């Protein structure tokens, strides 16, 4: 897996954003997320 120097942040992990966040992490990006529903952050 390659590492990227970019840092990406998400506010809210709806249906589409959760999948995008997962793919970015698997691609080696550093990702920080915030969601008012803490159960979304565990997935």
PDB file of N, CA and C in Angstrom:
ATOM      1  N   UNK A   1       0.848  -1.169   0.000  1.00  0.00           N
ATOM      2  CA  UNK A   1       0.000   0.000   0.000  1.00  0.00           C
ATOM      3  C   UNK A   1       0.898   1.238   0.000  1.00  0.00           C
ATOM      4  N   UNK A   2       0.614   2.173  -0.833  1.00  0.00           N
ATOM      5  CA  UNK A   2       1.391   3.408  -0.882  1.00  0.00           C
ATOM      6  C   UNK A   2       0.856   4.408   0.139  1.00  0.00           C
ATOM      7  N   UNK A   3       1.732   5.286   0.606  1.00  0.00           N
ATOM      8  CA  UNK A   3       1.339   6.330   1.545  1.00  0.00           C
ATOM      9  C   UNK A   3       1.289   7.658   0.807  1.00  0.00           C
ATOM     10  N   UNK A   4       0.340   8.486   1.137  1.00  0.00           N
ATOM     11  CA  UNK A   4       0.175   9.792   0.512  1.00  0.00           C
ATOM     12  C   UNK A   4       0.401  10.880   1.555  1.00  0.00           C
ATOM     13  N   UNK A   5       0.943  12.006   1.129  1.00  0.00           N
ATOM     14  CA  UNK A   5       1.195  13.096   2.064  1.00  0.00           C
ATOM     15  C   UNK A   5      -0.037  13.970   2.294  1.00  0.00           C
ATOM     16  N   UNK A   6      -1.068  13.807   1.516  1.00  0.00           N
ATOM     17  CA  UNK A   6      -2.284  14.592   1.680  1.00  0.00           C
ATOM     18  C   UNK A   6      -3.055  14.131   2.919  1.00  0.00           C
ATOM     19  N   UNK A   7      -3.709  15.072   3.574  1.00  0.00           N
ATOM     20  CA  UNK A   7      -4.557  14.774   4.715  1.00  0.00           C
ATOM     21  C   UNK A   7      -5.970  15.179   4.335  1.00  0.00           C
ATOM     22  N   UNK A   8      -6.918  14.279   4.507  1.00  0.00           N
ATOM     23  CA  UNK A   8      -8.295  14.511   4.068  1.00  0.00           C
ATOM     24  C   UNK A   8      -9.220  14.456   5.274  1.00  0.00           C
ATOM     25  N   UNK A   9     -10.166  15.383   5.342  1.00  0.00           N
ATOM     26  CA  UNK A   9     -11.141  15.406   6.423  1.00  0.00           C
ATOM     27  C   UNK A   9     -12.556  15.288   5.887  1.00  0.00           C
ATOM     28  N   UNK A  10     -13.402  14.601   6.628  1.00  0.00           N
ATOM     29  CA  UNK A  10     -14.812  14.460   6.278  1.00  0.00           C
ATOM     30  C   UNK A  10     -15.660  14.950   7.442  1.00  0.00           C
ATOM     31  N   UNK A  11     -16.690  15.697   7.153  1.00  0.00           N
ATOM     32  CA  UNK A  11     -17.682  16.074   8.151  1.00  0.00           C
ATOM     33  C   UNK A  11     -18.971  15.388   7.741  1.00  0.00           C
ATOM     34  N   UNK A  12     -19.377  14.417   8.510  1.00  0.00           N
ATOM     35  CA  UNK A  12     -20.558  13.627   8.186  1.00  0.00           C
ATOM     36  C   UNK A  12     -20.186  12.424   7.335  1.00  0.00           C
ATOM     37  N   UNK A  13     -20.663  11.273   7.731  1.00  0.00           N
ATOM     38  CA  UNK A  13     -20.383  10.046   6.987  1.00  0.00           C
ATOM     39  C   UNK A  13     -21.689   9.413   6.530  1.00  0.00           C
ATOM     40  N   UNK A  14     -22.306  10.045   5.566  1.00  0.00           N
ATOM     41  CA  UNK A  14     -23.532   9.489   4.995  1.00  0.00           C
ATOM     42  C   UNK A  14     -23.230   8.243   4.180  1.00  0.00           C
ATOM     43  N   UNK A  15     -24.190   7.770   3.440  1.00  0.00           N
ATOM     44  CA  UNK A  15     -24.018   6.540   2.662  1.00  0.00           C
ATOM     45  C   UNK A  15     -22.842   6.621   1.697  1.00  0.00           C
ATOM     46  N   UNK A  16     -22.719   7.700   0.987  1.00  0.00           N
ATOM     47  CA  UNK A  16     -21.663   7.826  -0.014  1.00  0.00           C
ATOM     48  C   UNK A  16     -20.316   8.176   0.626  1.00  0.00           C
ATOM     49  N   UNK A  17     -20.314   9.079   1.596  1.00  0.00           N
ATOM     50  CA  UNK A  17     -19.059   9.510   2.206  1.00  0.00           C
ATOM     51  C   UNK A  17     -18.370   8.397   2.976  1.00  0.00           C
ATOM     52  N   UNK A  18     -19.124   7.530   3.602  1.00  0.00           N
ATOM     53  CA  UNK A  18     -18.527   6.406   4.327  1.00  0.00           C
ATOM     54  C   UNK A  18     -17.743   5.497   3.398  1.00  0.00           C
ATOM     55  N   UNK A  19     -18.299   5.205   2.233  1.00  0.00           N
ATOM     56  CA  UNK A  19     -17.606   4.357   1.254  1.00  0.00           C
ATOM     57  C   UNK A  19     -16.372   5.056   0.699  1.00  0.00           C
ATOM     58  N   UNK A  20     -16.473   6.361   0.430  1.00  0.00           N
ATOM     59  CA  UNK A  20     -15.315   7.107  -0.077  1.00  0.00           C
ATOM     60  C   UNK A  20     -14.204   7.128   0.971  1.00  0.00           C
ATOM     61  N   UNK A  21     -14.563   7.351   2.215  1.00  0.00           N
ATOM     62  CA  UNK A  21     -13.588   7.380   3.299  1.00  0.00           C
ATOM     63  C   UNK A  21     -12.879   6.032   3.417  1.00  0.00           C
ATOM     64  N   UNK A  22     -13.622   4.959   3.366  1.00  0.00           N
ATOM     65  CA  UNK A  22     -13.047   3.611   3.450  1.00  0.00           C
ATOM     66  C   UNK A  22     -12.051   3.369   2.314  1.00  0.00           C
ATOM     67  N   UNK A  23     -12.388   3.760   1.106  1.00  0.00           N
ATOM     68  CA  UNK A  23     -11.487   3.562  -0.042  1.00  0.00           C
ATOM     69  C   UNK A  23     -10.229   4.410   0.075  1.00  0.00           C
ATOM     70  N   UNK A  24     -10.351   5.631   0.590  1.00  0.00           N
ATOM     71  CA  UNK A  24      -9.179   6.490   0.773  1.00  0.00           C
ATOM     72  C   UNK A  24      -8.220   5.910   1.812  1.00  0.00           C
ATOM     73  N   UNK A  25      -8.756   5.384   2.901  1.00  0.00           N
ATOM     74  CA  UNK A  25      -7.917   4.756   3.926  1.00  0.00           C
ATOM     75  C   UNK A  25      -7.202   3.540   3.339  1.00  0.00           C
ATOM     76  N   UNK A  26      -7.914   2.715   2.598  1.00  0.00           N
ATOM     77  CA  UNK A  26      -7.301   1.540   1.978  1.00  0.00           C
ATOM     78  C   UNK A  26      -6.239   1.914   0.955  1.00  0.00           C
ATOM     79  N   UNK A  27      -6.361   3.113   0.359  1.00  0.00           N
ATOM     80  CA  UNK A  27      -5.384   3.586  -0.629  1.00  0.00           C
ATOM     81  C   UNK A  27      -4.181   4.256   0.037  1.00  0.00           C
ATOM     82  N   UNK A  28      -4.204   4.383   1.378  1.00  0.00           N
ATOM     83  CA  UNK A  28      -3.058   4.916   2.084  1.00  0.00           C
ATOM     84  C   UNK A  28      -3.138   6.380   2.487  1.00  0.00           C
ATOM     85  N   UNK A  29      -4.301   6.995   2.363  1.00  0.00           N
ATOM     86  CA  UNK A  29      -4.464   8.390   2.761  1.00  0.00           C
ATOM     87  C   UNK A  29      -4.733   8.489   4.260  1.00  0.00           C
ATOM     88  N   UNK A  30      -4.282   9.577   4.878  1.00  0.00           N
ATOM     89  CA  UNK A  30      -4.643   9.887   6.258  1.00  0.00           C
ATOM     90  C   UNK A  30      -5.992  10.588   6.221  1.00  0.00           C
ATOM     91  N   UNK A  31      -6.946  10.056   6.971  1.00  0.00           N
ATOM     92  CA  UNK A  31      -8.305  10.583   6.939  1.00  0.00           C
ATOM     93  C   UNK A  31      -8.773  10.862   8.365  1.00  0.00           C
ATOM     94  N   UNK A  32      -9.360  12.025   8.569  1.00  0.00           N
ATOM     95  CA  UNK A  32      -9.965  12.382   9.847  1.00  0.00           C
ATOM     96  C   UNK A  32     -11.444  12.619   9.595  1.00  0.00           C
ATOM     97  N   UNK A  33     -12.291  12.103  10.502  1.00  0.00           N
ATOM     98  CA  UNK A  33     -13.731  12.223  10.279  1.00  0.00           C
ATOM     99  C   UNK A  33     -14.439  12.753  11.514  1.00  0.00           C
ATOM    100  N   UNK A  34     -15.581  13.371  11.291  1.00  0.00           N
ATOM    101  CA  UNK A  34     -16.477  13.811  12.357  1.00  0.00           C
ATOM    102  C   UNK A  34     -17.901  13.527  11.919  1.00  0.00           C
ATOM    103  N   UNK A  35     -18.672  12.981  12.822  1.00  0.00           N
ATOM    104  CA  UNK A  35     -20.090  12.766  12.565  1.00  0.00           C
ATOM    105  C   UNK A  35     -20.812  12.901  13.890  1.00  0.00           C
ATOM    106  N   UNK A  36     -21.984  13.505  13.895  1.00  0.00           N
ATOM    107  CA  UNK A  36     -22.742  13.672  15.139  1.00  0.00           C
ATOM    108  C   UNK A  36     -23.226  12.316  15.679  1.00  0.00           C
ATOM    109  N   UNK A  37     -23.318  11.335  14.806  1.00  0.00           N
ATOM    110  CA  UNK A  37     -23.682   9.973  15.228  1.00  0.00           C
ATOM    111  C   UNK A  37     -22.418   9.153  15.410  1.00  0.00           C
ATOM    112  N   UNK A  38     -22.042   8.903  16.647  1.00  0.00           N
ATOM    113  CA  UNK A  38     -20.785   8.204  16.924  1.00  0.00           C
ATOM    114  C   UNK A  38     -20.781   6.769  16.377  1.00  0.00           C
ATOM    115  N   UNK A  39     -21.935   6.143  16.186  1.00  0.00           N
ATOM    116  CA  UNK A  39     -21.959   4.791  15.630  1.00  0.00           C
ATOM    117  C   UNK A  39     -21.428   4.753  14.196  1.00  0.00           C
ATOM    118  N   UNK A  40     -21.512   5.852  13.466  1.00  0.00           N
ATOM    119  CA  UNK A  40     -20.982   5.918  12.105  1.00  0.00           C
ATOM    120  C   UNK A  40     -19.452   5.884  12.090  1.00  0.00           C
ATOM    121  N   UNK A  41     -18.819   6.340  13.168  1.00  0.00           N
ATOM    122  CA  UNK A  41     -17.364   6.405  13.211  1.00  0.00           C
ATOM    123  C   UNK A  41     -16.732   5.046  13.455  1.00  0.00           C
ATOM    124  N   UNK A  42     -17.500   4.086  13.928  1.00  0.00           N
ATOM    125  CA  UNK A  42     -16.978   2.767  14.259  1.00  0.00           C
ATOM    126  C   UNK A  42     -16.950   1.835  13.058  1.00  0.00           C
ATOM    127  N   UNK A  43     -17.772   2.064  12.098  1.00  0.00           N
ATOM    128  CA  UNK A  43     -17.904   1.160  10.940  1.00  0.00           C
ATOM    129  C   UNK A  43     -16.633   1.003  10.179  1.00  0.00           C
TER     130      UNK A  43
END
